[in-house]
């Protein structure tokens, strides 16, 4: 079963766009050195977005292995960003770029290997915050490595911009900003999400919009400043495709988020009805928690999917309960009647409760 929600469709948009840019760059003849680097960069970006797509549409433990693609894709795309910074519009520090390539490749390979070993040792679990299967608690060293390499990329671009003048300097600054949009922007969004400053839905849209916008900006700046020959029709088609994908993303987000809200409302009603009439949870329930208000204890009644013991579900349940109790009158009127037995987060239930 594939699960297509706003996140799934959004990541699919990123996959399609990255693939189109990769095919465009592959089709260029007599590529310059920086065009070849940018081609490999979009291949890594394509793999990374395929990984996010897998995590979004595979609502079972296999989906956790999307991290193998996202970690590798993100690490090696940053390596290529740094090499592009050295190569465009011409390499002013050839020896330094080769040394940095060796260092960043070694760092990326080490971090990737460490992540794979830890992930295989730990095994997948359901991430109730992100609403996907994941390898919980892993990736901090990878994130630090990414930030260090992004910082080096910025330093190389700023140094090069100071050494150039006129149109070349403007192109360097614009390309630096364009490459940072799909790399640093989502990283900031993820940090805000991990600290629960923004919801996962906000992070999802943040990631998709900034990725598409960043790829679009890279494409426009590259086409207008590259020495590689591109036709006017290529520019028209490229801009048209980006515009279409942005429209698809906005439309799909509105539609799927509304459908998710209605779906969750229906499933919560079915759950309450099943508990009241039959005394048992519905078959589609992903998990069931029993909550005793007097003792303030939360226990697992049913966990067919598994993974609850690996997650701080008690704190999460209490946070959800506090949020619900702070809602307008009537919003939680059924909770006392079912002894607050159903602790299913509606969206998590819909993700892997059926099929």
Protein backbone atom coordinates (compact mmCIF):
# COMPACT_ATOMS: atom_id res chain seq x y z
CA UNK A 1 0.00 0.00 0.00
CA UNK A 2 1.28 3.45 -0.93
CA UNK A 3 0.08 6.39 1.14
CA UNK A 4 -0.30 9.64 -0.80
CA UNK A 5 -0.90 12.65 1.41
CA UNK A 6 0.32 16.23 1.02
CA UNK A 7 3.83 15.14 2.02
CA UNK A 8 3.84 12.27 -0.49
CA UNK A 9 2.67 14.46 -3.37
CA UNK A 10 5.03 17.26 -2.36
CA UNK A 11 8.06 14.98 -2.34
CA UNK A 12 6.94 13.54 -5.68
CA UNK A 13 6.97 17.08 -7.11
CA UNK A 14 10.56 17.47 -5.86
CA UNK A 15 11.54 14.12 -7.40
CA UNK A 16 10.05 15.06 -10.79
CA UNK A 17 11.68 18.49 -10.80
CA UNK A 18 15.12 17.18 -9.79
CA UNK A 19 14.85 14.48 -12.48
CA UNK A 20 13.92 17.01 -15.17
CA UNK A 21 16.88 19.22 -14.26
CA UNK A 22 19.17 16.20 -14.26
CA UNK A 23 17.97 15.18 -17.73
CA UNK A 24 18.40 18.75 -18.98
CA UNK A 25 22.00 18.89 -17.75
CA UNK A 26 22.77 15.41 -19.11
CA UNK A 27 21.52 16.58 -22.51
CA UNK A 28 23.96 19.50 -22.66
CA UNK A 29 26.79 18.92 -25.11
CA UNK A 30 30.40 19.91 -24.49
CA UNK A 31 29.72 20.65 -20.85
CA UNK A 32 31.97 22.99 -18.92
CA UNK A 33 33.63 21.72 -15.76
CA UNK A 34 31.11 23.34 -13.43
CA UNK A 35 28.20 22.01 -15.54
CA UNK A 36 29.48 18.47 -15.00
CA UNK A 37 29.69 19.11 -11.27
CA UNK A 38 26.17 20.54 -11.25
CA UNK A 39 24.93 17.47 -13.14
CA UNK A 40 26.26 15.14 -10.45
CA UNK A 41 24.83 17.48 -7.80
CA UNK A 42 21.33 17.09 -9.21
CA UNK A 43 21.80 13.32 -9.37
CA UNK A 44 22.53 13.34 -5.62
CA UNK A 45 19.57 15.70 -5.06
CA UNK A 46 17.38 13.34 -7.08
CA UNK A 47 18.39 10.38 -4.89
CA UNK A 48 17.75 12.43 -1.75
CA UNK A 49 14.25 13.39 -2.90
CA UNK A 50 13.50 9.80 -3.90
CA UNK A 51 14.38 8.90 -0.31
CA UNK A 52 11.97 11.46 1.12
CA UNK A 53 9.30 10.19 -1.28
CA UNK A 54 9.85 6.61 -0.10
CA UNK A 55 9.51 7.65 3.52
CA UNK A 56 6.29 9.50 2.77
CA UNK A 57 4.47 6.80 0.77
CA UNK A 58 5.64 3.62 2.55
CA UNK A 59 3.71 3.53 5.86
CA UNK A 60 5.47 0.46 7.28
CA UNK A 61 8.97 -0.39 8.60
CA UNK A 62 10.47 -0.63 5.10
CA UNK A 63 9.86 3.11 4.80
CA UNK A 64 12.48 3.79 7.48
CA UNK A 65 15.21 2.81 5.04
CA UNK A 66 14.51 5.98 3.09
CA UNK A 67 17.11 7.49 5.42
CA UNK A 68 19.83 5.57 3.58
CA UNK A 69 19.06 7.63 0.48
CA UNK A 70 18.41 10.95 2.21
CA UNK A 71 21.58 10.81 4.31
CA UNK A 72 23.79 9.81 1.38
CA UNK A 73 22.10 12.22 -1.02
CA UNK A 74 22.34 15.20 1.32
CA UNK A 75 25.97 14.57 2.30
CA UNK A 76 27.28 14.08 -1.21
CA UNK A 77 25.19 16.90 -2.67
CA UNK A 78 26.93 19.27 -0.25
CA UNK A 79 30.31 17.90 -1.36
CA UNK A 80 29.35 18.73 -4.94
CA UNK A 81 28.06 22.16 -3.95
CA UNK A 82 31.52 22.97 -2.57
CA UNK A 83 33.20 21.77 -5.76
CA UNK A 84 30.78 23.85 -7.82
CA UNK A 85 31.74 26.85 -5.69
CA UNK A 86 35.36 26.33 -6.64
CA UNK A 87 34.66 25.61 -10.34
CA UNK A 88 32.21 28.41 -11.22
CA UNK A 89 32.89 30.44 -13.31
CA UNK A 90 36.50 29.24 -13.20
CA UNK A 91 38.63 27.51 -10.62
CA UNK A 92 40.98 30.00 -8.96
CA UNK A 93 42.28 27.50 -6.37
CA UNK A 94 42.75 24.15 -8.12
CA UNK A 95 45.04 22.55 -5.54
CA UNK A 96 42.88 23.68 -2.62
CA UNK A 97 39.71 22.37 -4.30
CA UNK A 98 41.28 18.92 -4.69
CA UNK A 99 42.37 18.81 -1.07
CA UNK A 100 38.92 19.92 0.08
CA UNK A 101 37.32 17.30 -2.18
CA UNK A 102 39.34 14.57 -0.48
CA UNK A 103 38.50 15.84 3.01
CA UNK A 104 34.78 16.27 2.37
CA UNK A 105 34.50 12.90 0.63
CA UNK A 106 36.24 11.19 3.54
CA UNK A 107 33.96 12.99 6.02
CA UNK A 108 30.82 12.09 4.06
CA UNK A 109 31.78 8.44 3.60
CA UNK A 110 32.61 8.14 7.31
CA UNK A 111 29.35 9.72 8.41
CA UNK A 112 27.34 7.61 5.95
CA UNK A 113 28.99 4.37 7.06
CA UNK A 114 28.49 5.23 10.75
CA UNK A 115 24.82 5.99 10.12
CA UNK A 116 24.24 2.70 8.27
CA UNK A 117 25.93 0.64 11.00
CA UNK A 118 23.93 2.32 13.78
CA UNK A 119 20.67 2.09 11.82
CA UNK A 120 21.07 -1.63 11.10
CA UNK A 121 21.92 -2.26 14.74
CA UNK A 122 18.93 -0.28 16.02
CA UNK A 123 16.23 -1.20 13.50
CA UNK A 124 13.24 0.91 12.35
CA UNK A 125 10.54 2.34 14.61
CA UNK A 126 7.53 4.58 14.06
CA UNK A 127 8.25 8.26 14.59
CA UNK A 128 5.04 9.71 15.95
CA UNK A 129 6.27 13.28 15.56
CA UNK A 130 7.19 12.91 11.92
CA UNK A 131 4.44 10.34 11.25
CA UNK A 132 6.83 8.10 9.34
CA UNK A 133 8.91 5.04 10.12
CA UNK A 134 12.43 6.12 10.94
CA UNK A 135 15.61 5.33 12.83
CA UNK A 136 14.94 7.28 15.98
CA UNK A 137 17.68 9.34 17.55
CA UNK A 138 20.11 8.96 14.66
CA UNK A 139 21.48 11.69 12.41
CA UNK A 140 22.91 14.28 14.81
CA UNK A 141 26.48 13.74 13.63
CA UNK A 142 25.28 13.81 10.02
CA UNK A 143 23.50 17.13 10.62
CA UNK A 144 26.65 18.59 12.17
CA UNK A 145 28.73 17.42 9.21
CA UNK A 146 26.26 19.01 6.80
CA UNK A 147 26.34 22.34 8.63
CA UNK A 148 30.15 22.39 8.65
CA UNK A 149 30.28 21.73 4.91
CA UNK A 150 27.61 24.33 4.18
CA UNK A 151 29.65 26.85 6.18
CA UNK A 152 32.70 26.04 4.06
CA UNK A 153 30.65 26.39 0.87
CA UNK A 154 29.55 29.87 1.97
CA UNK A 155 33.13 30.89 2.78
CA UNK A 156 34.36 29.73 -0.65
CA UNK A 157 31.60 31.61 -2.47
CA UNK A 158 32.13 34.82 -0.48
CA UNK A 159 35.88 34.67 -1.04
CA UNK A 160 35.36 34.15 -4.77
CA UNK A 161 32.79 36.95 -4.98
CA UNK A 162 35.31 39.35 -3.44
CA UNK A 163 37.88 38.42 -6.09
CA UNK A 164 35.51 38.94 -9.05
CA UNK A 165 33.77 42.01 -10.41
CA UNK A 166 30.66 43.04 -12.29
CA UNK A 167 28.34 40.38 -13.73
CA UNK A 168 30.48 37.49 -12.47
CA UNK A 169 30.28 38.75 -8.89
CA UNK A 170 26.50 39.14 -9.11
CA UNK A 171 26.18 35.64 -10.59
CA UNK A 172 28.28 34.16 -7.76
CA UNK A 173 26.17 35.83 -5.06
CA UNK A 174 22.89 34.80 -6.70
CA UNK A 175 24.01 31.19 -7.19
CA UNK A 176 25.17 31.01 -3.58
CA UNK A 177 21.74 32.14 -2.39
CA UNK A 178 20.01 29.78 -4.84
CA UNK A 179 22.01 26.74 -3.66
CA UNK A 180 21.44 27.62 0.00
CA UNK A 181 17.65 27.78 -0.42
CA UNK A 182 17.11 24.00 -0.93
CA UNK A 183 19.93 23.01 1.44
CA UNK A 184 20.08 25.36 4.42
CA UNK A 185 16.37 26.30 4.38
CA UNK A 186 14.99 22.79 5.00
CA UNK A 187 17.73 22.19 7.59
CA UNK A 188 16.49 25.20 9.56
CA UNK A 189 12.91 24.01 9.17
CA UNK A 190 13.85 20.56 10.47
CA UNK A 191 15.60 22.10 13.48
CA UNK A 192 12.48 24.14 14.28
CA UNK A 193 10.33 21.01 13.92
CA UNK A 194 12.60 18.92 16.18
CA UNK A 195 12.27 21.63 18.84
CA UNK A 196 8.47 21.57 18.33
CA UNK A 197 8.42 25.23 17.33
CA UNK A 198 6.58 24.32 14.12
CA UNK A 199 4.41 21.31 13.28
CA UNK A 200 5.46 18.51 10.95
CA UNK A 201 2.94 19.75 8.37
CA UNK A 202 4.59 23.18 8.37
CA UNK A 203 8.02 21.58 7.98
CA UNK A 204 6.77 19.46 5.08
CA UNK A 205 5.52 22.46 3.14
CA UNK A 206 8.64 24.42 4.10
CA UNK A 207 10.80 21.66 2.63
CA UNK A 208 8.84 21.22 -0.60
CA UNK A 209 8.36 24.91 -1.39
CA UNK A 210 11.99 25.82 -0.66
CA UNK A 211 13.28 22.82 -2.63
CA UNK A 212 11.25 23.65 -5.73
CA UNK A 213 11.95 27.38 -5.38
CA UNK A 214 15.67 26.71 -4.89
CA UNK A 215 15.92 24.36 -7.88
CA UNK A 216 13.99 26.85 -9.97
CA UNK A 217 16.29 29.71 -8.96
CA UNK A 218 19.40 27.62 -9.65
CA UNK A 219 18.05 26.77 -13.09
CA UNK A 220 17.23 30.36 -14.07
CA UNK A 221 20.55 31.76 -12.85
CA UNK A 222 22.52 28.92 -14.43
CA UNK A 223 20.80 29.27 -17.82
CA UNK A 224 21.34 33.03 -17.87
CA UNK A 225 25.00 32.87 -16.84
CA UNK A 226 26.41 29.63 -18.22
CA UNK A 227 28.79 29.49 -21.15
CA UNK A 228 27.04 26.28 -22.25
CA UNK A 229 24.67 26.90 -25.12
CA UNK A 230 20.97 26.73 -24.31
CA UNK A 231 18.14 27.64 -26.65
CA UNK A 232 15.43 30.18 -25.93
CA UNK A 233 12.88 27.35 -26.16
CA UNK A 234 14.72 25.52 -23.37
CA UNK A 235 14.28 28.54 -21.13
CA UNK A 236 10.57 28.82 -21.96
CA UNK A 237 9.93 25.11 -21.35
CA UNK A 238 11.94 25.14 -18.11
CA UNK A 239 10.07 28.11 -16.66
CA UNK A 240 6.72 26.61 -17.73
CA UNK A 241 7.49 23.27 -16.05
CA UNK A 242 8.49 24.95 -12.79
CA UNK A 243 5.35 27.07 -12.80
CA UNK A 244 3.20 24.01 -13.41
CA UNK A 245 4.85 22.05 -10.60
CA UNK A 246 4.36 24.93 -8.16
CA UNK A 247 0.66 25.10 -9.08
CA UNK A 248 0.35 21.32 -8.62
CA UNK A 249 2.03 21.55 -5.22
CA UNK A 250 -0.23 24.35 -3.97
CA UNK A 251 -3.40 22.70 -5.25
CA UNK A 252 -2.50 19.24 -3.93
CA UNK A 253 -1.62 20.66 -0.52
CA UNK A 254 -4.99 22.34 -0.11
CA UNK A 255 -6.94 19.30 -1.32
CA UNK A 256 -5.04 16.61 0.56
CA UNK A 257 -4.92 18.50 3.86
CA UNK A 258 -8.71 18.91 3.72
CA UNK A 259 -9.12 15.23 2.90
CA UNK A 260 -6.84 14.28 5.80
CA UNK A 261 -8.90 16.39 8.19
CA UNK A 262 -12.17 14.75 7.06
CA UNK A 263 -10.59 11.29 7.15
CA UNK A 264 -9.36 11.79 10.71
CA UNK A 265 -12.74 13.10 11.82
CA UNK A 266 -14.51 10.03 10.39
CA UNK A 267 -12.02 7.59 11.92
CA UNK A 268 -12.23 9.19 15.35
CA UNK A 269 -16.00 8.87 15.19
CA UNK A 270 -15.72 5.19 14.21
CA UNK A 271 -13.29 4.57 17.06
CA UNK A 272 -15.53 6.16 19.67
CA UNK A 273 -18.58 4.29 18.32
CA UNK A 274 -16.75 0.95 18.38
CA UNK A 275 -15.59 1.48 21.95
CA UNK A 276 -19.02 2.55 23.15
CA UNK A 277 -21.00 -0.18 21.39
CA UNK A 278 -18.62 -3.15 21.22
CA UNK A 279 -16.22 -2.30 24.00
CA UNK A 280 -13.31 -2.99 21.65
CA UNK A 281 -11.23 -0.77 19.39
CA UNK A 282 -11.81 -0.86 15.62
CA UNK A 283 -9.65 -3.19 13.52
CA UNK A 284 -8.08 -0.19 11.80
CA UNK A 285 -6.64 1.23 15.05
CA UNK A 286 -2.87 1.56 14.87
CA UNK A 287 -2.56 1.40 18.66
CA UNK A 288 -4.76 1.82 21.73
CA UNK A 289 -3.80 3.38 25.03
CA UNK A 290 -5.73 3.26 28.26
CA UNK A 291 -5.63 6.36 30.43
CA UNK A 292 -6.71 6.58 34.06
CA UNK A 293 -7.36 10.25 34.95
CA UNK A 294 -7.31 9.60 38.69
CA UNK A 295 -3.94 7.84 38.68
CA UNK A 296 -2.63 9.73 35.62
CA UNK A 297 -1.31 6.47 34.18
CA UNK A 298 -1.10 5.53 30.51
CA UNK A 299 -0.76 1.89 29.49
CA UNK A 300 -0.71 0.05 26.17
CA UNK A 301 -3.87 -1.90 25.38
CA UNK A 302 -3.01 -2.83 21.80
CA UNK A 303 0.08 -2.23 19.68
CA UNK A 304 -0.27 -4.38 16.51
CA UNK A 305 2.32 -2.43 14.55
CA UNK A 306 4.91 -2.26 17.33
CA UNK A 307 7.31 0.48 18.27
CA UNK A 308 5.43 2.21 21.08
CA UNK A 309 7.87 1.05 23.76
CA UNK A 310 10.68 2.71 21.80
CA UNK A 311 8.87 6.03 21.89
CA UNK A 312 7.93 8.34 24.76
CA UNK A 313 4.25 7.83 24.01
CA UNK A 314 3.12 8.67 27.55
CA UNK A 315 4.45 12.21 27.36
CA UNK A 316 3.09 12.56 23.84
CA UNK A 317 -0.33 11.34 24.96
CA UNK A 318 -0.44 13.77 27.88
CA UNK A 319 0.53 16.64 25.56
CA UNK A 320 -2.24 15.68 23.13
CA UNK A 321 -4.73 15.35 25.98
CA UNK A 322 -3.79 18.75 27.39
CA UNK A 323 -4.17 20.28 23.94
CA UNK A 324 -7.59 18.65 23.50
CA UNK A 325 -8.79 19.77 26.94
CA UNK A 326 -7.76 23.33 26.12
CA UNK A 327 -9.89 23.19 22.95
CA UNK A 328 -13.35 24.83 22.72
CA UNK A 329 -16.19 23.28 24.69
CA UNK A 330 -17.46 20.04 23.20
CA UNK A 331 -14.30 19.23 21.30
CA UNK A 332 -13.46 16.38 23.72
CA UNK A 333 -16.92 15.53 24.95
CA UNK A 334 -16.50 11.82 24.17
CA UNK A 335 -13.29 11.31 26.15
CA UNK A 336 -14.87 10.72 29.61
CA UNK A 337 -17.44 8.29 28.14
CA UNK A 338 -14.77 5.99 26.75
CA UNK A 339 -12.49 6.38 29.78
CA UNK A 340 -10.10 8.22 27.49
CA UNK A 341 -9.17 4.80 26.15
CA UNK A 342 -8.25 5.65 22.59
CA UNK A 343 -4.88 7.35 22.38
CA UNK A 344 -4.59 7.19 18.63
CA UNK A 345 -3.32 10.27 16.89
CA UNK A 346 -5.68 10.51 13.96
CA UNK A 347 -3.05 11.09 11.31
CA UNK A 348 -0.71 8.41 12.62
CA UNK A 349 -3.66 6.01 12.65
CA UNK A 350 -4.51 6.80 9.05
CA UNK A 351 -0.91 6.33 8.03
CA UNK A 352 -0.45 2.75 9.01
CA UNK A 353 -3.71 1.58 10.50
CA UNK A 354 -5.02 -0.13 7.36
CA UNK A 355 -3.71 -2.40 4.67
